[in-house]
Amino acid sequence: MGLLLAYLIIIAKGSGSTSNKEFAHYLNIAHRSVFENANILVVLERRKVISDNVLIHYLE
């Protein structure tokens, strides 16, 4: 839930933008953050910090 909230906050910031270009910038930040966090989960699974099931749960 914490990661989802972070993405929603980024998008909410962007919704206050004065232009479509600025809003698109915030959407791009949120989009890249999703990939960054997915990569962190994969690293944690490979280091056996989290299980395969936990990884699959969060990546679905």
Protein backbone atom coordinates (compact mmCIF):
# COMPACT_ATOMS: atom_id res chain seq x y z
CA MET A 1 0.00 0.00 0.00
CA GLY A 2 2.89 2.36 0.74
CA LEU A 3 4.27 2.20 -2.79
CA LEU A 4 0.87 2.67 -4.33
CA LEU A 5 0.32 5.71 -2.16
CA ALA A 6 3.65 7.17 -3.28
CA TYR A 7 2.64 6.79 -6.94
CA LEU A 8 -0.74 8.36 -6.29
CA ILE A 9 0.92 11.31 -4.55
CA ILE A 10 3.21 11.88 -7.54
CA ILE A 11 0.23 11.79 -9.90
CA ALA A 12 -1.74 14.11 -7.61
CA LYS A 13 1.13 16.61 -7.69
CA GLY A 14 1.07 16.45 -11.45
CA SER A 15 -2.68 17.00 -11.61
CA GLY A 16 -2.06 20.49 -10.29
CA SER A 17 0.17 21.23 -13.27
CA THR A 18 -0.52 24.20 -15.45
CA SER A 19 0.24 22.39 -18.71
CA ASN A 20 -0.17 18.97 -20.28
CA LYS A 21 3.60 18.77 -20.72
CA GLU A 22 4.18 19.30 -17.00
CA PHE A 23 1.49 16.74 -16.09
CA ALA A 24 3.07 14.23 -18.49
CA HIS A 25 6.37 14.80 -16.69
CA TYR A 26 4.81 13.73 -13.36
CA LEU A 27 3.19 10.68 -14.98
CA ASN A 28 6.59 9.73 -16.36
CA ILE A 29 8.13 10.00 -12.87
CA ALA A 30 5.42 7.73 -11.44
CA HIS A 31 5.87 5.26 -14.30
CA ARG A 32 9.65 5.07 -13.79
CA SER A 33 9.15 4.66 -10.03
CA VAL A 34 7.07 1.54 -10.65
CA PHE A 35 9.93 -0.05 -12.58
CA GLU A 36 12.50 0.99 -9.97
CA ASN A 37 10.51 -0.62 -7.18
CA ALA A 38 9.83 -3.76 -9.19
CA ASN A 39 13.57 -4.09 -9.70
CA ILE A 40 14.17 -3.72 -5.96
CA LEU A 41 11.71 -6.55 -5.32
CA VAL A 42 13.53 -8.81 -7.79
CA VAL A 43 16.87 -8.06 -6.10
CA LEU A 44 15.37 -8.81 -2.68
CA GLU A 45 14.00 -12.11 -3.96
CA ARG A 46 17.34 -13.10 -5.49
CA ARG A 47 19.08 -12.31 -2.21
CA LYS A 48 16.47 -14.47 -0.43
CA VAL A 49 15.17 -11.55 1.62
CA ILE A 50 11.66 -12.19 0.31
CA SER A 51 10.13 -15.40 -1.05
CA ASP A 52 9.09 -16.17 -4.62
CA ASN A 53 5.47 -15.97 -3.51
CA VAL A 54 5.90 -12.49 -2.08
CA LEU A 55 7.61 -11.34 -5.29
CA ILE A 56 4.83 -12.73 -7.45
CA HIS A 57 2.19 -11.18 -5.18
CA TYR A 58 3.63 -7.69 -5.55
CA LEU A 59 4.41 -7.94 -9.25
CA GLU A 60 0.92 -9.06 -10.25
